[in-house]
Structure formats: structure tokens, C-alpha cells
PDB file of N, CA and C in Angstrom:
ATOM      1  N   UNK A   1      23.418   0.460  -7.469  1.00  0.00           N
ATOM      2  CA  UNK A   1      22.529   0.176  -6.361  1.00  0.00           C
ATOM      3  C   UNK A   1      21.748   1.447  -6.018  1.00  0.00           C
ATOM      4  N   UNK A   2      20.490   1.278  -5.641  1.00  0.00           N
ATOM      5  CA  UNK A   2      19.621   2.403  -5.320  1.00  0.00           C
ATOM      6  C   UNK A   2      19.979   3.018  -3.986  1.00  0.00           C
ATOM      7  N   UNK A   3      19.779   4.299  -3.892  1.00  0.00           N
ATOM      8  CA  UNK A   3      19.968   5.034  -2.645  1.00  0.00           C
ATOM      9  C   UNK A   3      18.584   5.391  -2.105  1.00  0.00           C
ATOM     10  N   UNK A   4      18.326   5.071  -0.845  1.00  0.00           N
ATOM     11  CA  UNK A   4      17.053   5.368  -0.219  1.00  0.00           C
ATOM     12  C   UNK A   4      17.307   6.232   1.002  1.00  0.00           C
ATOM     13  N   UNK A   5      16.625   7.363   1.043  1.00  0.00           N
ATOM     14  CA  UNK A   5      16.770   8.258   2.186  1.00  0.00           C
ATOM     15  C   UNK A   5      15.872   7.784   3.321  1.00  0.00           C
ATOM     16  N   UNK A   6      16.428   7.728   4.517  1.00  0.00           N
ATOM     17  CA  UNK A   6      15.669   7.341   5.700  1.00  0.00           C
ATOM     18  C   UNK A   6      15.736   8.497   6.686  1.00  0.00           C
ATOM     19  N   UNK A   7      14.565   8.976   7.074  1.00  0.00           N
ATOM     20  CA  UNK A   7      14.491  10.090   8.014  1.00  0.00           C
ATOM     21  C   UNK A   7      13.999   9.577   9.357  1.00  0.00           C
ATOM     22  N   UNK A   8      14.733   9.895  10.409  1.00  0.00           N
ATOM     23  CA  UNK A   8      14.347   9.511  11.763  1.00  0.00           C
ATOM     24  C   UNK A   8      13.365  10.544  12.299  1.00  0.00           C
ATOM     25  N   UNK A   9      12.287  10.047  12.880  1.00  0.00           N
ATOM     26  CA  UNK A   9      11.281  10.932  13.442  1.00  0.00           C
ATOM     27  C   UNK A   9      11.369  10.918  14.961  1.00  0.00           C
ATOM     28  N   UNK A  10      11.373  12.099  15.550  1.00  0.00           N
ATOM     29  CA  UNK A  10      11.359  12.208  17.007  1.00  0.00           C
ATOM     30  C   UNK A  10       9.940  12.415  17.531  1.00  0.00           C
ATOM     31  N   UNK A  11       8.984  12.519  16.612  1.00  0.00           N
ATOM     32  CA  UNK A  11       7.597  12.753  16.997  1.00  0.00           C
ATOM     33  C   UNK A  11       6.868  11.414  17.088  1.00  0.00           C
ATOM     34  N   UNK A  12       7.012  10.728  18.214  1.00  0.00           N
ATOM     35  CA  UNK A  12       6.446   9.388  18.358  1.00  0.00           C
ATOM     36  C   UNK A  12       4.925   9.389  18.341  1.00  0.00           C
ATOM     37  N   UNK A  13       4.299  10.461  18.811  1.00  0.00           N
ATOM     38  CA  UNK A  13       2.836  10.517  18.812  1.00  0.00           C
ATOM     39  C   UNK A  13       2.297  10.539  17.386  1.00  0.00           C
ATOM     40  N   UNK A  14       2.880  11.368  16.528  1.00  0.00           N
ATOM     41  CA  UNK A  14       2.459  11.439  15.130  1.00  0.00           C
ATOM     42  C   UNK A  14       2.748  10.126  14.414  1.00  0.00           C
ATOM     43  N   UNK A  15       3.911   9.542  14.669  1.00  0.00           N
ATOM     44  CA  UNK A  15       4.271   8.274  14.051  1.00  0.00           C
ATOM     45  C   UNK A  15       3.327   7.171  14.500  1.00  0.00           C
ATOM     46  N   UNK A  16       3.019   7.109  15.770  1.00  0.00           N
ATOM     47  CA  UNK A  16       2.095   6.103  16.295  1.00  0.00           C
ATOM     48  C   UNK A  16       0.712   6.266  15.684  1.00  0.00           C
ATOM     49  N   UNK A  17       0.250   7.495  15.562  1.00  0.00           N
ATOM     50  CA  UNK A  17      -1.069   7.756  14.974  1.00  0.00           C
ATOM     51  C   UNK A  17      -1.090   7.320  13.511  1.00  0.00           C
ATOM     52  N   UNK A  18      -0.029   7.605  12.778  1.00  0.00           N
ATOM     53  CA  UNK A  18       0.047   7.203  11.375  1.00  0.00           C
ATOM     54  C   UNK A  18       0.025   5.686  11.236  1.00  0.00           C
ATOM     55  N   UNK A  19       0.727   4.990  12.127  1.00  0.00           N
ATOM     56  CA  UNK A  19       0.732   3.528  12.090  1.00  0.00           C
ATOM     57  C   UNK A  19      -0.646   2.959  12.432  1.00  0.00           C
ATOM     58  N   UNK A  20      -1.320   3.553  13.405  1.00  0.00           N
ATOM     59  CA  UNK A  20      -2.668   3.102  13.752  1.00  0.00           C
ATOM     60  C   UNK A  20      -3.637   3.310  12.590  1.00  0.00           C
ATOM     61  N   UNK A  21      -3.517   4.441  11.913  1.00  0.00           N
ATOM     62  CA  UNK A  21      -4.381   4.709  10.762  1.00  0.00           C
ATOM     63  C   UNK A  21      -4.119   3.706   9.642  1.00  0.00           C
ATOM     64  N   UNK A  22      -2.853   3.366   9.417  1.00  0.00           N
ATOM     65  CA  UNK A  22      -2.493   2.383   8.394  1.00  0.00           C
ATOM     66  C   UNK A  22      -3.060   1.015   8.766  1.00  0.00           C
ATOM     67  N   UNK A  23      -2.928   0.626  10.048  1.00  0.00           N
ATOM     68  CA  UNK A  23      -3.458  -0.651  10.518  1.00  0.00           C
ATOM     69  C   UNK A  23      -4.970  -0.708  10.332  1.00  0.00           C
ATOM     70  N   UNK A  24      -5.668   0.371  10.680  1.00  0.00           N
ATOM     71  CA  UNK A  24      -7.119   0.412  10.502  1.00  0.00           C
ATOM     72  C   UNK A  24      -7.498   0.286   9.030  1.00  0.00           C
ATOM     73  N   UNK A  25      -6.732   0.916   8.142  1.00  0.00           N
ATOM     74  CA  UNK A  25      -6.994   0.817   6.707  1.00  0.00           C
ATOM     75  C   UNK A  25      -6.799  -0.623   6.217  1.00  0.00           C
ATOM     76  N   UNK A  26      -5.783  -1.300   6.728  1.00  0.00           N
ATOM     77  CA  UNK A  26      -5.535  -2.701   6.363  1.00  0.00           C
ATOM     78  C   UNK A  26      -6.679  -3.578   6.863  1.00  0.00           C
ATOM     79  N   UNK A  27      -7.116  -3.358   8.105  1.00  0.00           N
ATOM     80  CA  UNK A  27      -8.215  -4.140   8.657  1.00  0.00           C
ATOM     81  C   UNK A  27      -9.502  -3.927   7.860  1.00  0.00           C
ATOM     82  N   UNK A  28      -9.780  -2.693   7.497  1.00  0.00           N
ATOM     83  CA  UNK A  28     -10.977  -2.391   6.704  1.00  0.00           C
ATOM     84  C   UNK A  28     -10.897  -3.056   5.342  1.00  0.00           C
ATOM     85  N   UNK A  29      -9.737  -2.989   4.694  1.00  0.00           N
ATOM     86  CA  UNK A  29      -9.570  -3.601   3.382  1.00  0.00           C
ATOM     87  C   UNK A  29      -9.719  -5.125   3.472  1.00  0.00           C
ATOM     88  N   UNK A  30      -9.177  -5.745   4.511  1.00  0.00           N
ATOM     89  CA  UNK A  30      -9.308  -7.190   4.700  1.00  0.00           C
ATOM     90  C   UNK A  30     -10.779  -7.576   4.863  1.00  0.00           C
ATOM     91  N   UNK A  31     -11.522  -6.775   5.614  1.00  0.00           N
ATOM     92  CA  UNK A  31     -12.950  -7.061   5.800  1.00  0.00           C
ATOM     93  C   UNK A  31     -13.713  -6.880   4.493  1.00  0.00           C
ATOM     94  N   UNK A  32     -13.347  -5.865   3.710  1.00  0.00           N
ATOM     95  CA  UNK A  32     -13.974  -5.662   2.393  1.00  0.00           C
ATOM     96  C   UNK A  32     -13.736  -6.873   1.485  1.00  0.00           C
ATOM     97  N   UNK A  33     -12.516  -7.388   1.500  1.00  0.00           N
ATOM     98  CA  UNK A  33     -12.187  -8.577   0.697  1.00  0.00           C
ATOM     99  C   UNK A  33     -13.010  -9.767   1.186  1.00  0.00           C
ATOM    100  N   UNK A  34     -13.106  -9.941   2.500  1.00  0.00           N
ATOM    101  CA  UNK A  34     -13.894 -11.011   3.111  1.00  0.00           C
ATOM    102  C   UNK A  34     -15.354 -10.932   2.660  1.00  0.00           C
ATOM    103  N   UNK A  35     -15.935  -9.738   2.729  1.00  0.00           N
ATOM    104  CA  UNK A  35     -17.324  -9.562   2.335  1.00  0.00           C
ATOM    105  C   UNK A  35     -17.512  -9.791   0.836  1.00  0.00           C
ATOM    106  N   UNK A  36     -16.561  -9.350   0.037  1.00  0.00           N
ATOM    107  CA  UNK A  36     -16.667  -9.482  -1.421  1.00  0.00           C
ATOM    108  C   UNK A  36     -16.742 -10.946  -1.841  1.00  0.00           C
ATOM    109  N   UNK A  37     -16.061 -11.818  -1.111  1.00  0.00           N
ATOM    110  CA  UNK A  37     -16.108 -13.246  -1.454  1.00  0.00           C
ATOM    111  C   UNK A  37     -17.171 -13.973  -0.632  1.00  0.00           C
ATOM    112  N   UNK A  38     -18.085 -13.224  -0.035  1.00  0.00           N
ATOM    113  CA  UNK A  38     -19.227 -13.748   0.716  1.00  0.00           C
ATOM    114  C   UNK A  38     -18.840 -14.518   1.974  1.00  0.00           C
ATOM    115  N   UNK A  39     -17.768 -14.123   2.610  1.00  0.00           N
ATOM    116  CA  UNK A  39     -17.373 -14.695   3.902  1.00  0.00           C
ATOM    117  C   UNK A  39     -16.900 -16.132   3.810  1.00  0.00           C
ATOM    118  N   UNK A  40     -17.006 -16.812   4.904  1.00  0.00           N
ATOM    119  CA  UNK A  40     -16.567 -18.196   4.968  1.00  0.00           C
ATOM    120  C   UNK A  40     -15.234 -18.325   5.672  1.00  0.00           C
ATOM    121  N   UNK A  41     -14.922 -19.548   6.058  1.00  0.00           N
ATOM    122  CA  UNK A  41     -13.688 -19.823   6.799  1.00  0.00           C
ATOM    123  C   UNK A  41     -12.542 -20.188   5.865  1.00  0.00           C
ATOM    124  N   UNK A  42     -11.321 -20.019   6.396  1.00  0.00           N
ATOM    125  CA  UNK A  42     -10.154 -20.567   5.732  1.00  0.00           C
ATOM    126  C   UNK A  42      -9.320 -19.636   4.891  1.00  0.00           C
ATOM    127  N   UNK A  43      -9.745 -18.398   4.685  1.00  0.00           N
ATOM    128  CA  UNK A  43      -8.970 -17.496   3.827  1.00  0.00           C
ATOM    129  C   UNK A  43      -8.506 -16.244   4.547  1.00  0.00           C
ATOM    130  N   UNK A  44      -8.558 -16.251   5.880  1.00  0.00           N
ATOM    131  CA  UNK A  44      -8.244 -15.039   6.626  1.00  0.00           C
ATOM    132  C   UNK A  44      -6.809 -14.571   6.414  1.00  0.00           C
ATOM    133  N   UNK A  45      -5.859 -15.483   6.363  1.00  0.00           N
ATOM    134  CA  UNK A  45      -4.474 -15.071   6.164  1.00  0.00           C
ATOM    135  C   UNK A  45      -4.277 -14.452   4.778  1.00  0.00           C
ATOM    136  N   UNK A  46      -4.805 -15.082   3.756  1.00  0.00           N
ATOM    137  CA  UNK A  46      -4.636 -14.542   2.405  1.00  0.00           C
ATOM    138  C   UNK A  46      -5.352 -13.199   2.261  1.00  0.00           C
ATOM    139  N   UNK A  47      -6.497 -13.038   2.928  1.00  0.00           N
ATOM    140  CA  UNK A  47      -7.209 -11.756   2.892  1.00  0.00           C
ATOM    141  C   UNK A  47      -6.389 -10.665   3.572  1.00  0.00           C
ATOM    142  N   UNK A  48      -5.778 -10.985   4.714  1.00  0.00           N
ATOM    143  CA  UNK A  48      -4.949 -10.008   5.426  1.00  0.00           C
ATOM    144  C   UNK A  48      -3.714  -9.633   4.621  1.00  0.00           C
ATOM    145  N   UNK A  49      -3.088 -10.618   4.015  1.00  0.00           N
ATOM    146  CA  UNK A  49      -1.899 -10.329   3.200  1.00  0.00           C
ATOM    147  C   UNK A  49      -2.253  -9.506   1.969  1.00  0.00           C
ATOM    148  N   UNK A  50      -3.382  -9.823   1.336  1.00  0.00           N
ATOM    149  CA  UNK A  50      -3.818  -9.044   0.183  1.00  0.00           C
ATOM    150  C   UNK A  50      -4.155  -7.616   0.599  1.00  0.00           C
ATOM    151  N   UNK A  51      -4.822  -7.467   1.736  1.00  0.00           N
ATOM    152  CA  UNK A  51      -5.171  -6.137   2.239  1.00  0.00           C
ATOM    153  C   UNK A  51      -3.920  -5.318   2.525  1.00  0.00           C
ATOM    154  N   UNK A  52      -2.929  -5.948   3.154  1.00  0.00           N
ATOM    155  CA  UNK A  52      -1.679  -5.241   3.433  1.00  0.00           C
ATOM    156  C   UNK A  52      -1.012  -4.794   2.143  1.00  0.00           C
ATOM    157  N   UNK A  53      -0.984  -5.681   1.157  1.00  0.00           N
ATOM    158  CA  UNK A  53      -0.380  -5.322  -0.130  1.00  0.00           C
ATOM    159  C   UNK A  53      -1.136  -4.168  -0.781  1.00  0.00           C
ATOM    160  N   UNK A  54      -2.459  -4.209  -0.747  1.00  0.00           N
ATOM    161  CA  UNK A  54      -3.268  -3.157  -1.360  1.00  0.00           C
ATOM    162  C   UNK A  54      -3.052  -1.804  -0.695  1.00  0.00           C
ATOM    163  N   UNK A  55      -2.946  -1.800   0.637  1.00  0.00           N
ATOM    164  CA  UNK A  55      -2.849  -0.541   1.383  1.00  0.00           C
ATOM    165  C   UNK A  55      -1.416  -0.008   1.427  1.00  0.00           C
ATOM    166  N   UNK A  56      -0.471  -0.889   1.708  1.00  0.00           N
ATOM    167  CA  UNK A  56       0.907  -0.454   1.957  1.00  0.00           C
ATOM    168  C   UNK A  56       1.728  -0.345   0.676  1.00  0.00           C
ATOM    169  N   UNK A  57       1.463  -1.204  -0.289  1.00  0.00           N
ATOM    170  CA  UNK A  57       2.268  -1.258  -1.506  1.00  0.00           C
ATOM    171  C   UNK A  57       1.403  -0.937  -2.719  1.00  0.00           C
ATOM    172  N   UNK A  58       1.128   0.347  -2.978  1.00  0.00           N
ATOM    173  CA  UNK A  58       0.308   0.699  -4.145  1.00  0.00           C
ATOM    174  C   UNK A  58       1.032   0.346  -5.440  1.00  0.00           C
ATOM    175  N   UNK A  59       0.297   0.222  -6.549  1.00  0.00           N
ATOM    176  CA  UNK A  59       0.938  -0.053  -7.834  1.00  0.00           C
ATOM    177  C   UNK A  59       2.004   0.986  -8.158  1.00  0.00           C
ATOM    178  N   UNK A  60       3.014   0.576  -8.892  1.00  0.00           N
ATOM    179  CA  UNK A  60       4.124   1.472  -9.224  1.00  0.00           C
ATOM    180  C   UNK A  60       3.642   2.749  -9.894  1.00  0.00           C
ATOM    181  N   UNK A  61       2.637   2.653 -10.735  1.00  0.00           N
ATOM    182  CA  UNK A  61       2.148   3.839 -11.436  1.00  0.00           C
ATOM    183  C   UNK A  61       1.554   4.861 -10.473  1.00  0.00           C
ATOM    184  N   UNK A  62       0.921   4.393  -9.379  1.00  0.00           N
ATOM    185  CA  UNK A  62       0.360   5.312  -8.391  1.00  0.00           C
ATOM    186  C   UNK A  62       1.428   5.871  -7.465  1.00  0.00           C
ATOM    187  N   UNK A  63       2.485   5.105  -7.238  1.00  0.00           N
ATOM    188  CA  UNK A  63       3.534   5.522  -6.321  1.00  0.00           C
ATOM    189  C   UNK A  63       4.578   6.402  -7.001  1.00  0.00           C
ATOM    190  N   UNK A  64       4.500   6.537  -8.320  1.00  0.00           N
ATOM    191  CA  UNK A  64       5.479   7.344  -9.043  1.00  0.00           C
ATOM    192  C   UNK A  64       6.823   6.659  -9.158  1.00  0.00           C
ATOM    193  N   UNK A  65       6.812   5.328  -9.145  1.00  0.00           N
ATOM    194  CA  UNK A  65       8.045   4.554  -9.251  1.00  0.00           C
ATOM    195  C   UNK A  65       8.425   4.436 -10.722  1.00  0.00           C
ATOM    196  N   UNK A  66       9.700   4.585 -10.993  1.00  0.00           N
ATOM    197  CA  UNK A  66      10.180   4.499 -12.376  1.00  0.00           C
ATOM    198  C   UNK A  66      10.407   3.051 -12.763  1.00  0.00           C
ATOM    199  N   UNK A  67      10.002   2.693 -13.958  1.00  0.00           N
ATOM    200  CA  UNK A  67      10.311   1.386 -14.517  1.00  0.00           C
ATOM    201  C   UNK A  67      11.676   1.468 -15.155  1.00  0.00           C
ATOM    202  N   UNK A  68      12.370   0.346 -15.292  1.00  0.00           N
ATOM    203  CA  UNK A  68      13.695   0.378 -15.931  1.00  0.00           C
ATOM    204  C   UNK A  68      13.625   1.050 -17.297  1.00  0.00           C
ATOM    205  N   UNK A  69      14.473   2.038 -17.491  1.00  0.00           N
ATOM    206  CA  UNK A  69      14.517   2.745 -18.767  1.00  0.00           C
ATOM    207  C   UNK A  69      13.522   3.878 -18.899  1.00  0.00           C
ATOM    208  N   UNK A  70      12.714   4.094 -17.867  1.00  0.00           N
ATOM    209  CA  UNK A  70      11.711   5.169 -17.915  1.00  0.00           C
ATOM    210  C   UNK A  70      11.737   5.937 -16.601  1.00  0.00           C
ATOM    211  N   UNK A  71      11.454   7.185 -16.650  1.00  0.00           N
ATOM    212  CA  UNK A  71      11.433   8.006 -15.442  1.00  0.00           C
ATOM    213  C   UNK A  71      10.099   7.930 -14.735  1.00  0.00           C
ATOM    214  N   UNK A  72      10.052   8.381 -13.511  1.00  0.00           N
ATOM    215  CA  UNK A  72       8.807   8.390 -12.737  1.00  0.00           C
ATOM    216  C   UNK A  72       7.768   9.289 -13.390  1.00  0.00           C
ATOM    217  N   UNK A  73       8.204  10.377 -13.995  1.00  0.00           N
ATOM    218  CA  UNK A  73       7.269  11.281 -14.664  1.00  0.00           C
ATOM    219  C   UNK A  73       6.510  10.537 -15.753  1.00  0.00           C
ATOM    220  N   UNK A  74       7.222   9.713 -16.523  1.00  0.00           N
ATOM    221  CA  UNK A  74       6.579   8.949 -17.583  1.00  0.00           C
ATOM    222  C   UNK A  74       5.621   7.912 -17.002  1.00  0.00           C
ATOM    223  N   UNK A  75       5.980   7.310 -15.896  1.00  0.00           N
ATOM    224  CA  UNK A  75       5.119   6.301 -15.269  1.00  0.00           C
ATOM    225  C   UNK A  75       3.795   6.934 -14.858  1.00  0.00           C
ATOM    226  N   UNK A  76       3.840   8.136 -14.271  1.00  0.00           N
ATOM    227  CA  UNK A  76       2.616   8.812 -13.856  1.00  0.00           C
ATOM    228  C   UNK A  76       1.770   9.211 -15.049  1.00  0.00           C
ATOM    229  N   UNK A  77       2.374   9.754 -16.102  1.00  0.00           N
ATOM    230  CA  UNK A  77       1.586  10.178 -17.257  1.00  0.00           C
ATOM    231  C   UNK A  77       1.016   8.972 -17.967  1.00  0.00           C
ATOM    232  N   UNK A  78       1.742   7.855 -17.957  1.00  0.00           N
ATOM    233  CA  UNK A  78       1.257   6.629 -18.586  1.00  0.00           C
ATOM    234  C   UNK A  78       0.013   6.119 -17.849  1.00  0.00           C
ATOM    235  N   UNK A  79       0.029   6.192 -16.525  1.00  0.00           N
ATOM    236  CA  UNK A  79      -1.112   5.713 -15.744  1.00  0.00           C
ATOM    237  C   UNK A  79      -2.355   6.550 -16.021  1.00  0.00           C
ATOM    238  N   UNK A  80      -2.197   7.839 -16.261  1.00  0.00           N
ATOM    239  CA  UNK A  80      -3.331   8.715 -16.530  1.00  0.00           C
ATOM    240  C   UNK A  80      -3.922   8.460 -17.914  1.00  0.00           C
ATOM    241  N   UNK A  81      -3.107   7.954 -18.841  1.00  0.00           N
ATOM    242  CA  UNK A  81      -3.590   7.715 -20.186  1.00  0.00           C
ATOM    243  C   UNK A  81      -4.528   6.530 -20.285  1.00  0.00           C
ATOM    244  N   UNK A  82      -4.494   5.658 -19.312  1.00  0.00           N
ATOM    245  CA  UNK A  82      -5.280   4.437 -19.400  1.00  0.00           C
ATOM    246  C   UNK A  82      -6.718   4.651 -19.032  1.00  0.00           C
TER     247      UNK A  82
END
């Protein structure tokens, strides 16, 4: 099982600012997706979910996540080769 380190922050102002910046990035990305498909009704939830995924959960190669059987170093160098 994986071990994940969790650090508690006592700096609520910095944490709040970081969360606001992340929220603004998600909102901007959702609007970009909306504009890219030329607007219209009915897709707001899927646009918001896609925006959240794009902003909060970057591809494994960008995040330096290791694939099974490979290290994170290899994942990063593999992404640069493409």
C-alpha cells in the first residue's frame, strides 16, 4: 500500500489564497471549454468537471507519477521525448 505524507498548515491565509487561485483557474478553464464548443446550454456540469480534472489532476507524466514497473524519473524523461 502507498504511503502519502500529509502536512498540516497553520497558515490559513496562504492556504485560503491558494484555494482561491485554484478555484479561479478552474472557472477560467471551464469558460475556455465553454467558448471552445461555441457556448450553448446543457453542458455546464461536464465543462466544470472537465475543467477541475484539467487543473487539479494533471497527467501522470506532468506530475512525475511513476507507472507500475517504472520510476517517476523515467515518466518525466518519457514525456519530454514525445
